[in-house]
Amino acid sequence: MTDDRGLERLKWRSRRGLLELDLVFDRFWKDSGGNMDLQAMERLLELPDNDLLDLVMGRAETGDEQLRALVGRLRAA
């Protein structure tokens, strides 16, 4: 999934049920320019909202190196 449609699907999937996550992802998409590991983003978006929020807010960590790098970018957004 490296085409523009795939990226747009990921952006749509990043719309979550929690306002906090929506705000983080909105800033992230504006700053990233689509430059990221798309497979890692897909795996990250498979997480439930509350687990994802805990990762982004620093209340939880992941042992997955690819996800850790992506979560770091989300935290910085």
PDB file of N, CA and C in Angstrom:
ATOM      1  N   MET A   1       0.837  -1.175   0.000  1.00  0.00           N
ATOM      2  CA  MET A   1       0.000   0.000   0.000  1.00  0.00           C
ATOM      3  C   MET A   1       0.883   1.240   0.000  1.00  0.00           C
ATOM      4  N   THR A   2       1.459   1.560  -1.127  1.00  0.00           N
ATOM      5  CA  THR A   2       2.330   2.726  -1.204  1.00  0.00           C
ATOM      6  C   THR A   2       1.743   3.816  -2.084  1.00  0.00           C
ATOM      7  N   ASP A   3       0.575   3.579  -2.667  1.00  0.00           N
ATOM      8  CA  ASP A   3      -0.015   4.580  -3.544  1.00  0.00           C
ATOM      9  C   ASP A   3      -0.778   5.627  -2.736  1.00  0.00           C
ATOM     10  N   ASP A   4      -1.221   6.657  -3.433  1.00  0.00           N
ATOM     11  CA  ASP A   4      -1.952   7.737  -2.770  1.00  0.00           C
ATOM     12  C   ASP A   4      -3.255   7.254  -2.156  1.00  0.00           C
ATOM     13  N   ARG A   5      -3.927   6.318  -2.819  1.00  0.00           N
ATOM     14  CA  ARG A   5      -5.185   5.794  -2.267  1.00  0.00           C
ATOM     15  C   ARG A   5      -4.934   5.073  -0.949  1.00  0.00           C
ATOM     16  N   GLY A   6      -3.833   4.331  -0.890  1.00  0.00           N
ATOM     17  CA  GLY A   6      -3.490   3.631   0.341  1.00  0.00           C
ATOM     18  C   GLY A   6      -3.214   4.600   1.474  1.00  0.00           C
ATOM     19  N   LEU A   7      -2.524   5.677   1.166  1.00  0.00           N
ATOM     20  CA  LEU A   7      -2.241   6.690   2.176  1.00  0.00           C
ATOM     21  C   LEU A   7      -3.530   7.359   2.643  1.00  0.00           C
ATOM     22  N   GLU A   8      -4.417   7.632   1.713  1.00  0.00           N
ATOM     23  CA  GLU A   8      -5.705   8.239   2.082  1.00  0.00           C
ATOM     24  C   GLU A   8      -6.524   7.293   2.953  1.00  0.00           C
ATOM     25  N   ARG A   9      -6.455   5.995   2.675  1.00  0.00           N
ATOM     26  CA  ARG A   9      -7.161   5.014   3.520  1.00  0.00           C
ATOM     27  C   ARG A   9      -6.611   5.041   4.942  1.00  0.00           C
ATOM     28  N   LEU A  10      -5.282   5.122   5.058  1.00  0.00           N
ATOM     29  CA  LEU A  10      -4.684   5.190   6.392  1.00  0.00           C
ATOM     30  C   LEU A  10      -5.111   6.467   7.116  1.00  0.00           C
ATOM     31  N   LYS A  11      -5.156   7.555   6.404  1.00  0.00           N
ATOM     32  CA  LYS A  11      -5.615   8.803   7.025  1.00  0.00           C
ATOM     33  C   LYS A  11      -7.051   8.652   7.525  1.00  0.00           C
ATOM     34  N   TRP A  12      -7.889   8.016   6.719  1.00  0.00           N
ATOM     35  CA  TRP A  12      -9.287   7.815   7.122  1.00  0.00           C
ATOM     36  C   TRP A  12      -9.353   6.900   8.345  1.00  0.00           C
ATOM     37  N   ARG A  13      -8.549   5.830   8.341  1.00  0.00           N
ATOM     38  CA  ARG A  13      -8.554   4.896   9.466  1.00  0.00           C
ATOM     39  C   ARG A  13      -8.015   5.537  10.737  1.00  0.00           C
ATOM     40  N   SER A  14      -7.223   6.579  10.607  1.00  0.00           N
ATOM     41  CA  SER A  14      -6.669   7.236  11.787  1.00  0.00           C
ATOM     42  C   SER A  14      -7.695   8.131  12.477  1.00  0.00           C
ATOM     43  N   ARG A  15      -8.834   8.326  11.850  1.00  0.00           N
ATOM     44  CA  ARG A  15      -9.916   9.071  12.514  1.00  0.00           C
ATOM     45  C   ARG A  15     -10.497   8.154  13.567  1.00  0.00           C
ATOM     46  N   ARG A  16     -10.383   8.553  14.811  1.00  0.00           N
ATOM     47  CA  ARG A  16     -10.743   7.671  15.914  1.00  0.00           C
ATOM     48  C   ARG A  16     -11.949   8.200  16.670  1.00  0.00           C
ATOM     49  N   GLY A  17     -12.333   7.469  17.700  1.00  0.00           N
ATOM     50  CA  GLY A  17     -13.460   7.869  18.528  1.00  0.00           C
ATOM     51  C   GLY A  17     -13.078   8.808  19.653  1.00  0.00           C
ATOM     52  N   LEU A  18     -11.797   9.117  19.768  1.00  0.00           N
ATOM     53  CA  LEU A  18     -11.330   9.995  20.842  1.00  0.00           C
ATOM     54  C   LEU A  18     -10.767  11.282  20.255  1.00  0.00           C
ATOM     55  N   LEU A  19     -11.249  12.399  20.730  1.00  0.00           N
ATOM     56  CA  LEU A  19     -10.813  13.697  20.224  1.00  0.00           C
ATOM     57  C   LEU A  19      -9.300  13.866  20.350  1.00  0.00           C
ATOM     58  N   GLU A  20      -8.732  13.406  21.456  1.00  0.00           N
ATOM     59  CA  GLU A  20      -7.294  13.550  21.673  1.00  0.00           C
ATOM     60  C   GLU A  20      -6.504  12.885  20.550  1.00  0.00           C
ATOM     61  N   LEU A  21      -6.913  11.687  20.158  1.00  0.00           N
ATOM     62  CA  LEU A  21      -6.225  10.986  19.077  1.00  0.00           C
ATOM     63  C   LEU A  21      -6.438  11.690  17.742  1.00  0.00           C
ATOM     64  N   ASP A  22      -7.634  12.162  17.515  1.00  0.00           N
ATOM     65  CA  ASP A  22      -7.897  12.877  16.262  1.00  0.00           C
ATOM     66  C   ASP A  22      -6.995  14.099  16.136  1.00  0.00           C
ATOM     67  N   LEU A  23      -6.799  14.816  17.221  1.00  0.00           N
ATOM     68  CA  LEU A  23      -5.938  16.000  17.192  1.00  0.00           C
ATOM     69  C   LEU A  23      -4.485  15.622  16.926  1.00  0.00           C
ATOM     70  N   VAL A  24      -4.012  14.566  17.564  1.00  0.00           N
ATOM     71  CA  VAL A  24      -2.633  14.117  17.360  1.00  0.00           C
ATOM     72  C   VAL A  24      -2.431  13.678  15.915  1.00  0.00           C
ATOM     73  N   PHE A  25      -3.342  12.863  15.402  1.00  0.00           N
ATOM     74  CA  PHE A  25      -3.197  12.381  14.033  1.00  0.00           C
ATOM     75  C   PHE A  25      -3.328  13.508  13.019  1.00  0.00           C
ATOM     76  N   ASP A  26      -4.185  14.475  13.291  1.00  0.00           N
ATOM     77  CA  ASP A  26      -4.321  15.601  12.366  1.00  0.00           C
ATOM     78  C   ASP A  26      -3.000  16.351  12.243  1.00  0.00           C
ATOM     79  N   ARG A  27      -2.356  16.630  13.366  1.00  0.00           N
ATOM     80  CA  ARG A  27      -1.045  17.303  13.330  1.00  0.00           C
ATOM     81  C   ARG A  27      -0.002  16.416  12.661  1.00  0.00           C
ATOM     82  N   PHE A  28      -0.039  15.124  12.966  1.00  0.00           N
ATOM     83  CA  PHE A  28       0.926  14.192  12.397  1.00  0.00           C
ATOM     84  C   PHE A  28       0.833  14.168  10.876  1.00  0.00           C
ATOM     85  N   TRP A  29      -0.378  14.061  10.337  1.00  0.00           N
ATOM     86  CA  TRP A  29      -0.535  13.985   8.876  1.00  0.00           C
ATOM     87  C   TRP A  29      -0.081  15.275   8.217  1.00  0.00           C
ATOM     88  N   LYS A  30      -0.314  16.401   8.846  1.00  0.00           N
ATOM     89  CA  LYS A  30       0.135  17.671   8.270  1.00  0.00           C
ATOM     90  C   LYS A  30       1.656  17.771   8.249  1.00  0.00           C
ATOM     91  N   ASP A  31       2.305  17.232   9.288  1.00  0.00           N
ATOM     92  CA  ASP A  31       3.760  17.319   9.405  1.00  0.00           C
ATOM     93  C   ASP A  31       4.504  16.226   8.655  1.00  0.00           C
ATOM     94  N   SER A  32       3.890  15.048   8.512  1.00  0.00           N
ATOM     95  CA  SER A  32       4.622  13.899   7.963  1.00  0.00           C
ATOM     96  C   SER A  32       4.757  13.938   6.453  1.00  0.00           C
ATOM     97  N   GLY A  33       3.790  14.507   5.779  1.00  0.00           N
ATOM     98  CA  GLY A  33       3.825  14.518   4.325  1.00  0.00           C
ATOM     99  C   GLY A  33       3.760  13.119   3.730  1.00  0.00           C
ATOM    100  N   GLY A  34       3.273  12.155   4.507  1.00  0.00           N
ATOM    101  CA  GLY A  34       3.161  10.789   4.014  1.00  0.00           C
ATOM    102  C   GLY A  34       4.463  10.015   4.077  1.00  0.00           C
ATOM    103  N   ASN A  35       5.488  10.601   4.694  1.00  0.00           N
ATOM    104  CA  ASN A  35       6.788   9.964   4.774  1.00  0.00           C
ATOM    105  C   ASN A  35       6.872   9.122   6.043  1.00  0.00           C
ATOM    106  N   MET A  36       6.523   7.817   5.917  1.00  0.00           N
ATOM    107  CA  MET A  36       6.541   6.941   7.083  1.00  0.00           C
ATOM    108  C   MET A  36       6.506   5.489   6.640  1.00  0.00           C
ATOM    109  N   ASP A  37       6.654   4.606   7.600  1.00  0.00           N
ATOM    110  CA  ASP A  37       6.518   3.173   7.366  1.00  0.00           C
ATOM    111  C   ASP A  37       5.028   2.848   7.368  1.00  0.00           C
ATOM    112  N   LEU A  38       4.463   2.629   6.188  1.00  0.00           N
ATOM    113  CA  LEU A  38       3.025   2.420   6.075  1.00  0.00           C
ATOM    114  C   LEU A  38       2.578   1.131   6.756  1.00  0.00           C
ATOM    115  N   GLN A  39       3.408   0.094   6.719  1.00  0.00           N
ATOM    116  CA  GLN A  39       3.038  -1.157   7.386  1.00  0.00           C
ATOM    117  C   GLN A  39       2.967  -0.967   8.894  1.00  0.00           C
ATOM    118  N   ALA A  40       3.896  -0.212   9.444  1.00  0.00           N
ATOM    119  CA  ALA A  40       3.864   0.071  10.882  1.00  0.00           C
ATOM    120  C   ALA A  40       2.617   0.874  11.225  1.00  0.00           C
ATOM    121  N   MET A  41       2.265   1.842  10.382  1.00  0.00           N
ATOM    122  CA  MET A  41       1.059   2.635  10.634  1.00  0.00           C
ATOM    123  C   MET A  41      -0.182   1.748  10.602  1.00  0.00           C
ATOM    124  N   GLU A  42      -0.252   0.820   9.651  1.00  0.00           N
ATOM    125  CA  GLU A  42      -1.395  -0.096   9.597  1.00  0.00           C
ATOM    126  C   GLU A  42      -1.500  -0.891  10.887  1.00  0.00           C
ATOM    127  N   ARG A  43      -0.380  -1.412  11.374  1.00  0.00           N
ATOM    128  CA  ARG A  43      -0.396  -2.203  12.605  1.00  0.00           C
ATOM    129  C   ARG A  43      -0.785  -1.338  13.799  1.00  0.00           C
ATOM    130  N   LEU A  44      -0.302  -0.125  13.834  1.00  0.00           N
ATOM    131  CA  LEU A  44      -0.631   0.781  14.925  1.00  0.00           C
ATOM    132  C   LEU A  44      -2.128   1.084  14.940  1.00  0.00           C
ATOM    133  N   LEU A  45      -2.699   1.282  13.772  1.00  0.00           N
ATOM    134  CA  LEU A  45      -4.121   1.617  13.690  1.00  0.00           C
ATOM    135  C   LEU A  45      -5.032   0.435  13.993  1.00  0.00           C
ATOM    136  N   GLU A  46      -4.478  -0.748  14.092  1.00  0.00           N
ATOM    137  CA  GLU A  46      -5.273  -1.920  14.479  1.00  0.00           C
ATOM    138  C   GLU A  46      -5.528  -1.950  15.986  1.00  0.00           C
ATOM    139  N   LEU A  47      -4.777  -1.160  16.740  1.00  0.00           N
ATOM    140  CA  LEU A  47      -4.943  -1.122  18.194  1.00  0.00           C
ATOM    141  C   LEU A  47      -6.259  -0.448  18.570  1.00  0.00           C
ATOM    142  N   PRO A  48      -6.861  -0.882  19.679  1.00  0.00           N
ATOM    143  CA  PRO A  48      -8.056  -0.184  20.188  1.00  0.00           C
ATOM    144  C   PRO A  48      -7.708   1.260  20.562  1.00  0.00           C
ATOM    145  N   ASP A  49      -8.690   2.127  20.514  1.00  0.00           N
ATOM    146  CA  ASP A  49      -8.483   3.549  20.780  1.00  0.00           C
ATOM    147  C   ASP A  49      -7.757   3.807  22.096  1.00  0.00           C
ATOM    148  N   ASN A  50      -8.207   3.193  23.177  1.00  0.00           N
ATOM    149  CA  ASN A  50      -7.603   3.473  24.485  1.00  0.00           C
ATOM    150  C   ASN A  50      -6.158   2.999  24.571  1.00  0.00           C
ATOM    151  N   ASP A  51      -5.832   1.873  23.957  1.00  0.00           N
ATOM    152  CA  ASP A  51      -4.441   1.400  23.936  1.00  0.00           C
ATOM    153  C   ASP A  51      -3.564   2.345  23.118  1.00  0.00           C
ATOM    154  N   LEU A  52      -4.094   2.797  22.002  1.00  0.00           N
ATOM    155  CA  LEU A  52      -3.360   3.733  21.157  1.00  0.00           C
ATOM    156  C   LEU A  52      -3.146   5.060  21.883  1.00  0.00           C
ATOM    157  N   LEU A  53      -4.157   5.531  22.565  1.00  0.00           N
ATOM    158  CA  LEU A  53      -4.025   6.777  23.331  1.00  0.00           C
ATOM    159  C   LEU A  53      -2.965   6.636  24.420  1.00  0.00           C
ATOM    160  N   ASP A  54      -2.947   5.493  25.105  1.00  0.00           N
ATOM    161  CA  ASP A  54      -1.928   5.275  26.136  1.00  0.00           C
ATOM    162  C   ASP A  54      -0.526   5.323  25.542  1.00  0.00           C
ATOM    163  N   LEU A  55      -0.338   4.747  24.367  1.00  0.00           N
ATOM    164  CA  LEU A  55       0.971   4.797  23.705  1.00  0.00           C
ATOM    165  C   LEU A  55       1.357   6.224  23.356  1.00  0.00           C
ATOM    166  N   VAL A  56       0.438   6.939  22.745  1.00  0.00           N
ATOM    167  CA  VAL A  56       0.723   8.304  22.277  1.00  0.00           C
ATOM    168  C   VAL A  56       0.966   9.250  23.453  1.00  0.00           C
ATOM    169  N   MET A  57       0.263   9.031  24.553  1.00  0.00           N
ATOM    170  CA  MET A  57       0.420   9.904  25.717  1.00  0.00           C
ATOM    171  C   MET A  57       1.589   9.503  26.605  1.00  0.00           C
ATOM    172  N   GLY A  58       2.269   8.404  26.275  1.00  0.00           N
ATOM    173  CA  GLY A  58       3.420   7.978  27.061  1.00  0.00           C
ATOM    174  C   GLY A  58       3.063   7.189  28.302  1.00  0.00           C
ATOM    175  N   ARG A  59       1.815   6.764  28.428  1.00  0.00           N
ATOM    176  CA  ARG A  59       1.401   5.974  29.583  1.00  0.00           C
ATOM    177  C   ARG A  59       1.683   4.490  29.389  1.00  0.00           C
ATOM    178  N   ALA A  60       2.056   4.115  28.170  1.00  0.00           N
ATOM    179  CA  ALA A  60       2.409   2.729  27.846  1.00  0.00           C
ATOM    180  C   ALA A  60       3.516   2.760  26.804  1.00  0.00           C
ATOM    181  N   GLU A  61       4.223   1.672  26.696  1.00  0.00           N
ATOM    182  CA  GLU A  61       5.303   1.537  25.709  1.00  0.00           C
ATOM    183  C   GLU A  61       5.067   0.268  24.903  1.00  0.00           C
ATOM    184  N   THR A  62       5.700   0.207  23.743  1.00  0.00           N
ATOM    185  CA  THR A  62       5.630  -0.978  22.912  1.00  0.00           C
ATOM    186  C   THR A  62       7.024  -1.559  22.747  1.00  0.00           C
ATOM    187  N   GLY A  63       7.095  -2.872  22.645  1.00  0.00           N
ATOM    188  CA  GLY A  63       8.373  -3.524  22.434  1.00  0.00           C
ATOM    189  C   GLY A  63       8.755  -3.613  20.972  1.00  0.00           C
ATOM    190  N   ASP A  64       7.850  -3.252  20.091  1.00  0.00           N
ATOM    191  CA  ASP A  64       8.078  -3.320  18.652  1.00  0.00           C
ATOM    192  C   ASP A  64       8.860  -2.084  18.205  1.00  0.00           C
ATOM    193  N   GLU A  65      10.041  -2.312  17.653  1.00  0.00           N
ATOM    194  CA  GLU A  65      10.929  -1.208  17.259  1.00  0.00           C
ATOM    195  C   GLU A  65      10.288  -0.277  16.233  1.00  0.00           C
ATOM    196  N   GLN A  66       9.615  -0.848  15.225  1.00  0.00           N
ATOM    197  CA  GLN A  66       8.973  -0.018  14.196  1.00  0.00           C
ATOM    198  C   GLN A  66       7.854   0.824  14.788  1.00  0.00           C
ATOM    199  N   LEU A  67       7.047   0.203  15.633  1.00  0.00           N
ATOM    200  CA  LEU A  67       5.957   0.957  16.251  1.00  0.00           C
ATOM    201  C   LEU A  67       6.495   2.012  17.199  1.00  0.00           C
ATOM    202  N   ARG A  68       7.575   1.695  17.895  1.00  0.00           N
ATOM    203  CA  ARG A  68       8.161   2.662  18.835  1.00  0.00           C
ATOM    204  C   ARG A  68       8.599   3.924  18.095  1.00  0.00           C
ATOM    205  N   ALA A  69       9.216   3.755  16.933  1.00  0.00           N
ATOM    206  CA  ALA A  69       9.658   4.909  16.150  1.00  0.00           C
ATOM    207  C   ALA A  69       8.460   5.741  15.687  1.00  0.00           C
ATOM    208  N   LEU A  70       7.424   5.073  15.249  1.00  0.00           N
ATOM    209  CA  LEU A  70       6.229   5.776  14.782  1.00  0.00           C
ATOM    210  C   LEU A  70       5.519   6.477  15.933  1.00  0.00           C
ATOM    211  N   VAL A  71       5.428   5.814  17.074  1.00  0.00           N
ATOM    212  CA  VAL A  71       4.801   6.430  18.249  1.00  0.00           C
ATOM    213  C   VAL A  71       5.603   7.660  18.670  1.00  0.00           C
ATOM    214  N   GLY A  72       6.915   7.584  18.570  1.00  0.00           N
ATOM    215  CA  GLY A  72       7.750   8.754  18.883  1.00  0.00           C
ATOM    216  C   GLY A  72       7.423   9.926  17.985  1.00  0.00           C
ATOM    217  N   ARG A  73       7.199   9.643  16.715  1.00  0.00           N
ATOM    218  CA  ARG A  73       6.829  10.721  15.782  1.00  0.00           C
ATOM    219  C   ARG A  73       5.451  11.282  16.108  1.00  0.00           C
ATOM    220  N   LEU A  74       4.527  10.411  16.522  1.00  0.00           N
ATOM    221  CA  LEU A  74       3.197  10.882  16.905  1.00  0.00           C
ATOM    222  C   LEU A  74       3.275  11.753  18.158  1.00  0.00           C
ATOM    223  N   ARG A  75       4.102  11.353  19.098  1.00  0.00           N
ATOM    224  CA  ARG A  75       4.256  12.143  20.325  1.00  0.00           C
ATOM    225  C   ARG A  75       4.842  13.508  20.043  1.00  0.00           C
ATOM    226  N   ALA A  76       5.722  13.568  19.060  1.00  0.00           N
ATOM    227  CA  ALA A  76       6.363  14.843  18.727  1.00  0.00           C
ATOM    228  C   ALA A  76       5.449  15.764  17.916  1.00  0.00           C
ATOM    229  N   ALA A  77       4.399  15.212  17.342  1.00  0.00           N
ATOM    230  CA  ALA A  77       3.496  16.008  16.489  1.00  0.00           C
ATOM    231  C   ALA A  77       2.679  16.975  17.298  1.00  0.00           C
TER     232      ALA A  77
END
